Amino acid sequence: ISNPAPVYPRRAIRMGLEGSVKVEFDVDTDGSVLDPYVLESNPASTFDRAAIKAVRKILYQPPTFNGTSVKVNNVQIVIIFNLAD
């Protein structure tokens, strides 16, 4: 439902860095993100904080199974940080 763009870290902008972060989390019955954590990042830890903050703001359509809202575990996404965007 909602997927706001991450805030590009100022330090990374100054240094001209680009990268990506793979994050894993659970999606609760209301569509909110639970317990996000970084699986891998490149360059290491440069964008981790910004990626976690962005993932916490994502809101998914509540997942359902047989008409009942359910929790979904181990969802993974990759957030790309590009200066051109």
PDB file of N, CA and C in Angstrom:
ATOM      1  N   ILE A   1       0.837  -1.194   0.000  1.00  0.00           N
ATOM      2  CA  ILE A   1       0.000   0.000   0.000  1.00  0.00           C
ATOM      3  C   ILE A   1       0.875   1.248   0.000  1.00  0.00           C
ATOM      4  N   SER A   2       1.923   1.235   0.836  1.00  0.00           N
ATOM      5  CA  SER A   2       2.810   2.395   0.951  1.00  0.00           C
ATOM      6  C   SER A   2       4.258   1.931   0.945  1.00  0.00           C
ATOM      7  N   ASN A   3       5.074   2.574   0.098  1.00  0.00           N
ATOM      8  CA  ASN A   3       6.484   2.201  -0.001  1.00  0.00           C
ATOM      9  C   ASN A   3       7.320   3.468  -0.211  1.00  0.00           C
ATOM     10  N   PRO A   4       7.531   4.247   0.845  1.00  0.00           N
ATOM     11  CA  PRO A   4       8.284   5.492   0.698  1.00  0.00           C
ATOM     12  C   PRO A   4       9.754   5.238   0.370  1.00  0.00           C
ATOM     13  N   ALA A   5      10.332   6.153  -0.390  1.00  0.00           N
ATOM     14  CA  ALA A   5      11.744   6.033  -0.770  1.00  0.00           C
ATOM     15  C   ALA A   5      12.635   6.260   0.452  1.00  0.00           C
ATOM     16  N   PRO A   6      13.757   5.551   0.525  1.00  0.00           N
ATOM     17  CA  PRO A   6      14.679   5.756   1.642  1.00  0.00           C
ATOM     18  C   PRO A   6      15.379   7.112   1.532  1.00  0.00           C
ATOM     19  N   VAL A   7      15.795   7.630   2.661  1.00  0.00           N
ATOM     20  CA  VAL A   7      16.551   8.880   2.690  1.00  0.00           C
ATOM     21  C   VAL A   7      18.018   8.536   2.431  1.00  0.00           C
ATOM     22  N   TYR A   8      18.597   9.165   1.422  1.00  0.00           N
ATOM     23  CA  TYR A   8      19.994   8.900   1.067  1.00  0.00           C
ATOM     24  C   TYR A   8      20.895   9.515   2.136  1.00  0.00           C
ATOM     25  N   PRO A   9      21.770   8.746   2.738  1.00  0.00           N
ATOM     26  CA  PRO A   9      22.649   9.296   3.781  1.00  0.00           C
ATOM     27  C   PRO A   9      23.546  10.414   3.233  1.00  0.00           C
ATOM     28  N   ARG A  10      23.633  11.521   3.957  1.00  0.00           N
ATOM     29  CA  ARG A  10      24.434  12.669   3.512  1.00  0.00           C
ATOM     30  C   ARG A  10      25.891  12.313   3.282  1.00  0.00           C
ATOM     31  N   ARG A  11      26.427  11.503   4.163  1.00  0.00           N
ATOM     32  CA  ARG A  11      27.833  11.098   4.041  1.00  0.00           C
ATOM     33  C   ARG A  11      28.072  10.343   2.728  1.00  0.00           C
ATOM     34  N   ALA A  12      27.139   9.485   2.362  1.00  0.00           N
ATOM     35  CA  ALA A  12      27.260   8.719   1.122  1.00  0.00           C
ATOM     36  C   ALA A  12      27.160   9.635  -0.094  1.00  0.00           C
ATOM     37  N   ILE A  13      26.318  10.653  -0.010  1.00  0.00           N
ATOM     38  CA  ILE A  13      26.207  11.626  -1.105  1.00  0.00           C
ATOM     39  C   ILE A  13      27.531  12.362  -1.276  1.00  0.00           C
ATOM     40  N   ARG A  14      28.092  12.849  -0.158  1.00  0.00           N
ATOM     41  CA  ARG A  14      29.368  13.580  -0.211  1.00  0.00           C
ATOM     42  C   ARG A  14      30.476  12.727  -0.810  1.00  0.00           C
ATOM     43  N   MET A  15      30.476  11.433  -0.484  1.00  0.00           N
ATOM     44  CA  MET A  15      31.536  10.538  -0.945  1.00  0.00           C
ATOM     45  C   MET A  15      31.226   9.929  -2.320  1.00  0.00           C
ATOM     46  N   GLY A  16      30.025  10.220  -2.851  1.00  0.00           N
ATOM     47  CA  GLY A  16      29.646   9.690  -4.151  1.00  0.00           C
ATOM     48  C   GLY A  16      29.399   8.184  -4.142  1.00  0.00           C
ATOM     49  N   LEU A  17      28.938   7.654  -3.013  1.00  0.00           N
ATOM     50  CA  LEU A  17      28.745   6.210  -2.880  1.00  0.00           C
ATOM     51  C   LEU A  17      27.354   5.775  -3.324  1.00  0.00           C
ATOM     52  N   GLU A  18      27.298   4.624  -3.963  1.00  0.00           N
ATOM     53  CA  GLU A  18      26.051   3.958  -4.293  1.00  0.00           C
ATOM     54  C   GLU A  18      26.136   2.553  -3.725  1.00  0.00           C
ATOM     55  N   GLY A  19      24.992   1.896  -3.557  1.00  0.00           N
ATOM     56  CA  GLY A  19      25.032   0.549  -3.018  1.00  0.00           C
ATOM     57  C   GLY A  19      23.659  -0.060  -2.891  1.00  0.00           C
ATOM     58  N   SER A  20      23.608  -1.160  -2.143  1.00  0.00           N
ATOM     59  CA  SER A  20      22.352  -1.860  -1.940  1.00  0.00           C
ATOM     60  C   SER A  20      22.356  -2.546  -0.577  1.00  0.00           C
ATOM     61  N   VAL A  21      21.149  -2.796  -0.083  1.00  0.00           N
ATOM     62  CA  VAL A  21      20.984  -3.463   1.207  1.00  0.00           C
ATOM     63  C   VAL A  21      19.865  -4.488   1.061  1.00  0.00           C
ATOM     64  N   LYS A  22      20.142  -5.735   1.451  1.00  0.00           N
ATOM     65  CA  LYS A  22      19.109  -6.780   1.479  1.00  0.00           C
ATOM     66  C   LYS A  22      18.598  -6.869   2.912  1.00  0.00           C
ATOM     67  N   VAL A  23      17.285  -6.701   3.063  1.00  0.00           N
ATOM     68  CA  VAL A  23      16.651  -6.675   4.378  1.00  0.00           C
ATOM     69  C   VAL A  23      15.623  -7.797   4.464  1.00  0.00           C
ATOM     70  N   GLU A  24      15.553  -8.428   5.634  1.00  0.00           N
ATOM     71  CA  GLU A  24      14.535  -9.457   5.886  1.00  0.00           C
ATOM     72  C   GLU A  24      13.657  -9.007   7.043  1.00  0.00           C
ATOM     73  N   PHE A  25      12.372  -9.339   6.957  1.00  0.00           N
ATOM     74  CA  PHE A  25      11.413  -8.932   7.990  1.00  0.00           C
ATOM     75  C   PHE A  25      10.169  -9.796   7.890  1.00  0.00           C
ATOM     76  N   ASP A  26       9.274  -9.617   8.837  1.00  0.00           N
ATOM     77  CA  ASP A  26       7.966 -10.272   8.818  1.00  0.00           C
ATOM     78  C   ASP A  26       6.914  -9.214   8.511  1.00  0.00           C
ATOM     79  N   VAL A  27       5.805  -9.644   7.901  1.00  0.00           N
ATOM     80  CA  VAL A  27       4.671  -8.752   7.656  1.00  0.00           C
ATOM     81  C   VAL A  27       3.545  -9.207   8.575  1.00  0.00           C
ATOM     82  N   ASP A  28       3.079  -8.297   9.435  1.00  0.00           N
ATOM     83  CA  ASP A  28       2.041  -8.607  10.412  1.00  0.00           C
ATOM     84  C   ASP A  28       0.661  -8.684   9.743  1.00  0.00           C
ATOM     85  N   THR A  29      -0.321  -9.114  10.501  1.00  0.00           N
ATOM     86  CA  THR A  29      -1.680  -9.286   9.977  1.00  0.00           C
ATOM     87  C   THR A  29      -2.314  -7.978   9.510  1.00  0.00           C
ATOM     88  N   ASP A  30      -1.801  -6.845   9.968  1.00  0.00           N
ATOM     89  CA  ASP A  30      -2.330  -5.550   9.522  1.00  0.00           C
ATOM     90  C   ASP A  30      -1.517  -4.961   8.360  1.00  0.00           C
ATOM     91  N   GLY A  31      -0.500  -5.694   7.891  1.00  0.00           N
ATOM     92  CA  GLY A  31       0.310  -5.231   6.766  1.00  0.00           C
ATOM     93  C   GLY A  31       1.554  -4.459   7.169  1.00  0.00           C
ATOM     94  N   SER A  32       1.759  -4.278   8.467  1.00  0.00           N
ATOM     95  CA  SER A  32       2.939  -3.530   8.915  1.00  0.00           C
ATOM     96  C   SER A  32       4.167  -4.440   8.987  1.00  0.00           C
ATOM     97  N   VAL A  33       5.335  -3.823   8.915  1.00  0.00           N
ATOM     98  CA  VAL A  33       6.606  -4.543   8.942  1.00  0.00           C
ATOM     99  C   VAL A  33       7.041  -4.772  10.389  1.00  0.00           C
ATOM    100  N   LEU A  34       7.493  -6.001  10.671  1.00  0.00           N
ATOM    101  CA  LEU A  34       7.973  -6.353  12.004  1.00  0.00           C
ATOM    102  C   LEU A  34       9.434  -6.793  11.940  1.00  0.00           C
ATOM    103  N   ASP A  35      10.224  -6.332  12.877  1.00  0.00           N
ATOM    104  CA  ASP A  35      11.589  -6.810  13.100  1.00  0.00           C
ATOM    105  C   ASP A  35      12.486  -6.860  11.861  1.00  0.00           C
ATOM    106  N   PRO A  36      12.641  -5.752  11.145  1.00  0.00           N
ATOM    107  CA  PRO A  36      13.543  -5.784   9.985  1.00  0.00           C
ATOM    108  C   PRO A  36      15.004  -5.869  10.426  1.00  0.00           C
ATOM    109  N   TYR A  37      15.796  -6.598   9.668  1.00  0.00           N
ATOM    110  CA  TYR A  37      17.231  -6.644   9.916  1.00  0.00           C
ATOM    111  C   TYR A  37      17.973  -6.857   8.605  1.00  0.00           C
ATOM    112  N   VAL A  38      19.216  -6.416   8.578  1.00  0.00           N
ATOM    113  CA  VAL A  38      20.038  -6.459   7.374  1.00  0.00           C
ATOM    114  C   VAL A  38      20.644  -7.850   7.203  1.00  0.00           C
ATOM    115  N   LEU A  39      20.465  -8.422   6.018  1.00  0.00           N
ATOM    116  CA  LEU A  39      21.090  -9.696   5.677  1.00  0.00           C
ATOM    117  C   LEU A  39      22.466  -9.468   5.050  1.00  0.00           C
ATOM    118  N   GLU A  40      22.519  -8.506   4.123  1.00  0.00           N
ATOM    119  CA  GLU A  40      23.794  -8.151   3.507  1.00  0.00           C
ATOM    120  C   GLU A  40      23.711  -6.736   2.966  1.00  0.00           C
ATOM    121  N   SER A  41      24.863  -6.093   2.896  1.00  0.00           N
ATOM    122  CA  SER A  41      24.894  -4.737   2.358  1.00  0.00           C
ATOM    123  C   SER A  41      26.216  -4.497   1.648  1.00  0.00           C
ATOM    124  N   ASN A  42      26.143  -3.612   0.660  1.00  0.00           N
ATOM    125  CA  ASN A  42      27.313  -3.269  -0.129  1.00  0.00           C
ATOM    126  C   ASN A  42      27.249  -1.792  -0.488  1.00  0.00           C
ATOM    127  N   PRO A  43      28.196  -0.982  -0.074  1.00  0.00           N
ATOM    128  CA  PRO A  43      29.296  -1.271   0.835  1.00  0.00           C
ATOM    129  C   PRO A  43      28.790  -1.508   2.260  1.00  0.00           C
ATOM    130  N   ALA A  44      29.543  -2.288   3.000  1.00  0.00           N
ATOM    131  CA  ALA A  44      29.127  -2.727   4.333  1.00  0.00           C
ATOM    132  C   ALA A  44      28.738  -1.561   5.238  1.00  0.00           C
ATOM    133  N   SER A  45      27.585  -1.635   5.820  1.00  0.00           N
ATOM    134  CA  SER A  45      26.983  -0.726   6.801  1.00  0.00           C
ATOM    135  C   SER A  45      26.801   0.731   6.389  1.00  0.00           C
ATOM    136  N   THR A  46      27.125   1.104   5.176  1.00  0.00           N
ATOM    137  CA  THR A  46      26.952   2.504   4.748  1.00  0.00           C
ATOM    138  C   THR A  46      25.482   2.894   4.679  1.00  0.00           C
ATOM    139  N   PHE A  47      24.643   2.009   4.158  1.00  0.00           N
ATOM    140  CA  PHE A  47      23.234   2.328   3.933  1.00  0.00           C
ATOM    141  C   PHE A  47      22.287   1.567   4.857  1.00  0.00           C
ATOM    142  N   ASP A  48      22.832   0.789   5.791  1.00  0.00           N
ATOM    143  CA  ASP A  48      22.002  -0.081   6.639  1.00  0.00           C
ATOM    144  C   ASP A  48      20.916   0.686   7.396  1.00  0.00           C
ATOM    145  N   ARG A  49      21.319   1.738   8.057  1.00  0.00           N
ATOM    146  CA  ARG A  49      20.377   2.504   8.883  1.00  0.00           C
ATOM    147  C   ARG A  49      19.248   3.099   8.046  1.00  0.00           C
ATOM    148  N   ALA A  50      19.601   3.687   6.901  1.00  0.00           N
ATOM    149  CA  ALA A  50      18.593   4.287   6.021  1.00  0.00           C
ATOM    150  C   ALA A  50      17.651   3.223   5.469  1.00  0.00           C
ATOM    151  N   ALA A  51      18.181   2.048   5.167  1.00  0.00           N
ATOM    152  CA  ALA A  51      17.353   0.962   4.640  1.00  0.00           C
ATOM    153  C   ALA A  51      16.363   0.476   5.700  1.00  0.00           C
ATOM    154  N   ILE A  52      16.834   0.288   6.918  1.00  0.00           N
ATOM    155  CA  ILE A  52      15.953  -0.179   7.996  1.00  0.00           C
ATOM    156  C   ILE A  52      14.855   0.854   8.263  1.00  0.00           C
ATOM    157  N   LYS A  53      15.219   2.129   8.295  1.00  0.00           N
ATOM    158  CA  LYS A  53      14.213   3.180   8.522  1.00  0.00           C
ATOM    159  C   LYS A  53      13.157   3.172   7.423  1.00  0.00           C
ATOM    160  N   ALA A  54      13.594   2.995   6.171  1.00  0.00           N
ATOM    161  CA  ALA A  54      12.647   2.976   5.049  1.00  0.00           C
ATOM    162  C   ALA A  54      11.733   1.759   5.122  1.00  0.00           C
ATOM    163  N   VAL A  55      12.294   0.602   5.446  1.00  0.00           N
ATOM    164  CA  VAL A  55      11.501  -0.631   5.521  1.00  0.00           C
ATOM    165  C   VAL A  55      10.449  -0.530   6.620  1.00  0.00           C
ATOM    166  N   ARG A  56      10.789   0.087   7.738  1.00  0.00           N
ATOM    167  CA  ARG A  56       9.818   0.229   8.836  1.00  0.00           C
ATOM    168  C   ARG A  56       8.591   1.044   8.411  1.00  0.00           C
ATOM    169  N   LYS A  57       8.734   1.896   7.397  1.00  0.00           N
ATOM    170  CA  LYS A  57       7.627   2.742   6.942  1.00  0.00           C
ATOM    171  C   LYS A  57       6.755   2.074   5.883  1.00  0.00           C
ATOM    172  N   ILE A  58       7.202   0.933   5.350  1.00  0.00           N
ATOM    173  CA  ILE A  58       6.424   0.233   4.321  1.00  0.00           C
ATOM    174  C   ILE A  58       5.154  -0.332   4.944  1.00  0.00           C
ATOM    175  N   LEU A  59       4.058  -0.234   4.206  1.00  0.00           N
ATOM    176  CA  LEU A  59       2.796  -0.836   4.637  1.00  0.00           C
ATOM    177  C   LEU A  59       2.280  -1.692   3.488  1.00  0.00           C
ATOM    178  N   TYR A  60       2.115  -2.972   3.752  1.00  0.00           N
ATOM    179  CA  TYR A  60       1.634  -3.912   2.748  1.00  0.00           C
ATOM    180  C   TYR A  60       0.134  -4.108   2.853  1.00  0.00           C
ATOM    181  N   GLN A  61      -0.472  -4.556   1.755  1.00  0.00           N
ATOM    182  CA  GLN A  61      -1.861  -5.011   1.801  1.00  0.00           C
ATOM    183  C   GLN A  61      -1.880  -6.165   2.798  1.00  0.00           C
ATOM    184  N   PRO A  62      -2.773  -6.154   3.799  1.00  0.00           N
ATOM    185  CA  PRO A  62      -2.758  -7.234   4.795  1.00  0.00           C
ATOM    186  C   PRO A  62      -2.842  -8.610   4.121  1.00  0.00           C
ATOM    187  N   PRO A  63      -1.867  -9.495   4.415  1.00  0.00           N
ATOM    188  CA  PRO A  63      -1.883 -10.821   3.804  1.00  0.00           C
ATOM    189  C   PRO A  63      -3.039 -11.660   4.340  1.00  0.00           C
ATOM    190  N   THR A  64      -3.685 -12.428   3.453  1.00  0.00           N
ATOM    191  CA  THR A  64      -4.802 -13.268   3.883  1.00  0.00           C
ATOM    192  C   THR A  64      -4.618 -14.701   3.398  1.00  0.00           C
ATOM    193  N   PHE A  65      -5.189 -15.614   4.143  1.00  0.00           N
ATOM    194  CA  PHE A  65      -5.229 -17.022   3.771  1.00  0.00           C
ATOM    195  C   PHE A  65      -6.596 -17.543   4.172  1.00  0.00           C
ATOM    196  N   ASN A  66      -7.354 -18.046   3.198  1.00  0.00           N
ATOM    197  CA  ASN A  66      -8.733 -18.506   3.440  1.00  0.00           C
ATOM    198  C   ASN A  66      -9.584 -17.420   4.086  1.00  0.00           C
ATOM    199  N   GLY A  67      -9.399 -16.182   3.643  1.00  0.00           N
ATOM    200  CA  GLY A  67     -10.203 -15.071   4.133  1.00  0.00           C
ATOM    201  C   GLY A  67      -9.808 -14.506   5.484  1.00  0.00           C
ATOM    202  N   THR A  68      -8.736 -15.013   6.075  1.00  0.00           N
ATOM    203  CA  THR A  68      -8.282 -14.541   7.378  1.00  0.00           C
ATOM    204  C   THR A  68      -6.917 -13.875   7.246  1.00  0.00           C
ATOM    205  N   SER A  69      -6.731 -12.758   7.923  1.00  0.00           N
ATOM    206  CA  SER A  69      -5.422 -12.098   7.914  1.00  0.00           C
ATOM    207  C   SER A  69      -4.395 -12.980   8.591  1.00  0.00           C
ATOM    208  N   VAL A  70      -3.226 -13.076   7.966  1.00  0.00           N
ATOM    209  CA  VAL A  70      -2.160 -13.905   8.522  1.00  0.00           C
ATOM    210  C   VAL A  70      -0.842 -13.144   8.521  1.00  0.00           C
ATOM    211  N   LYS A  71       0.065 -13.587   9.350  1.00  0.00           N
ATOM    212  CA  LYS A  71       1.407 -13.030   9.401  1.00  0.00           C
ATOM    213  C   LYS A  71       2.266 -13.777   8.380  1.00  0.00           C
ATOM    214  N   VAL A  72       3.141 -13.048   7.685  1.00  0.00           N
ATOM    215  CA  VAL A  72       4.054 -13.659   6.723  1.00  0.00           C
ATOM    216  C   VAL A  72       5.469 -13.461   7.243  1.00  0.00           C
ATOM    217  N   ASN A  73       6.213 -14.555   7.343  1.00  0.00           N
ATOM    218  CA  ASN A  73       7.573 -14.503   7.877  1.00  0.00           C
ATOM    219  C   ASN A  73       8.617 -14.499   6.761  1.00  0.00           C
ATOM    220  N   ASN A  74       9.790 -13.969   7.094  1.00  0.00           N
ATOM    221  CA  ASN A  74      10.980 -14.046   6.244  1.00  0.00           C
ATOM    222  C   ASN A  74      10.814 -13.431   4.859  1.00  0.00           C
ATOM    223  N   VAL A  75      10.184 -12.259   4.797  1.00  0.00           N
ATOM    224  CA  VAL A  75      10.081 -11.518   3.545  1.00  0.00           C
ATOM    225  C   VAL A  75      11.419 -10.828   3.311  1.00  0.00           C
ATOM    226  N   GLN A  76      11.940 -10.906   2.092  1.00  0.00           N
ATOM    227  CA  GLN A  76      13.219 -10.264   1.778  1.00  0.00           C
ATOM    228  C   GLN A  76      13.045  -9.280   0.632  1.00  0.00           C
ATOM    229  N   ILE A  77      13.664  -8.109   0.793  1.00  0.00           N
ATOM    230  CA  ILE A  77      13.701  -7.131  -0.298  1.00  0.00           C
ATOM    231  C   ILE A  77      15.109  -6.551  -0.381  1.00  0.00           C
ATOM    232  N   VAL A  78      15.435  -6.037  -1.559  1.00  0.00           N
ATOM    233  CA  VAL A  78      16.712  -5.360  -1.759  1.00  0.00           C
ATOM    234  C   VAL A  78      16.404  -3.896  -2.035  1.00  0.00           C
ATOM    235  N   ILE A  79      17.031  -3.019  -1.274  1.00  0.00           N
ATOM    236  CA  ILE A  79      16.874  -1.582  -1.482  1.00  0.00           C
ATOM    237  C   ILE A  79      18.143  -1.082  -2.159  1.00  0.00           C
ATOM    238  N   ILE A  80      17.958  -0.423  -3.304  1.00  0.00           N
ATOM    239  CA  ILE A  80      19.082   0.074  -4.101  1.00  0.00           C
ATOM    240  C   ILE A  80      19.229   1.575  -3.850  1.00  0.00           C
ATOM    241  N   PHE A  81      20.443   1.993  -3.619  1.00  0.00           N
ATOM    242  CA  PHE A  81      20.754   3.415  -3.463  1.00  0.00           C
ATOM    243  C   PHE A  81      21.570   3.875  -4.660  1.00  0.00           C
ATOM    244  N   ASN A  82      20.944   4.708  -5.516  1.00  0.00           N
ATOM    245  CA  ASN A  82      21.606   5.258  -6.700  1.00  0.00           C
ATOM    246  C   ASN A  82      21.574   6.774  -6.621  1.00  0.00           C
ATOM    247  N   LEU A  83      22.701   7.398  -6.886  1.00  0.00           N
ATOM    248  CA  LEU A  83      22.753   8.865  -6.855  1.00  0.00           C
ATOM    249  C   LEU A  83      21.961   9.482  -7.986  1.00  0.00           C
ATOM    250  N   ALA A  84      21.813   8.805  -9.103  1.00  0.00           N
ATOM    251  CA  ALA A  84      21.095   9.353 -10.268  1.00  0.00           C
ATOM    252  C   ALA A  84      19.596   9.471 -10.024  1.00  0.00           C
ATOM    253  N   ASP A  85      19.057   8.721  -9.059  1.00  0.00           N
ATOM    254  CA  ASP A  85      17.603   8.727  -8.827  1.00  0.00           C
ATOM    255  C   ASP A  85      17.135   9.967  -8.120  1.00  0.00           C
TER     256      ASP A  85
END
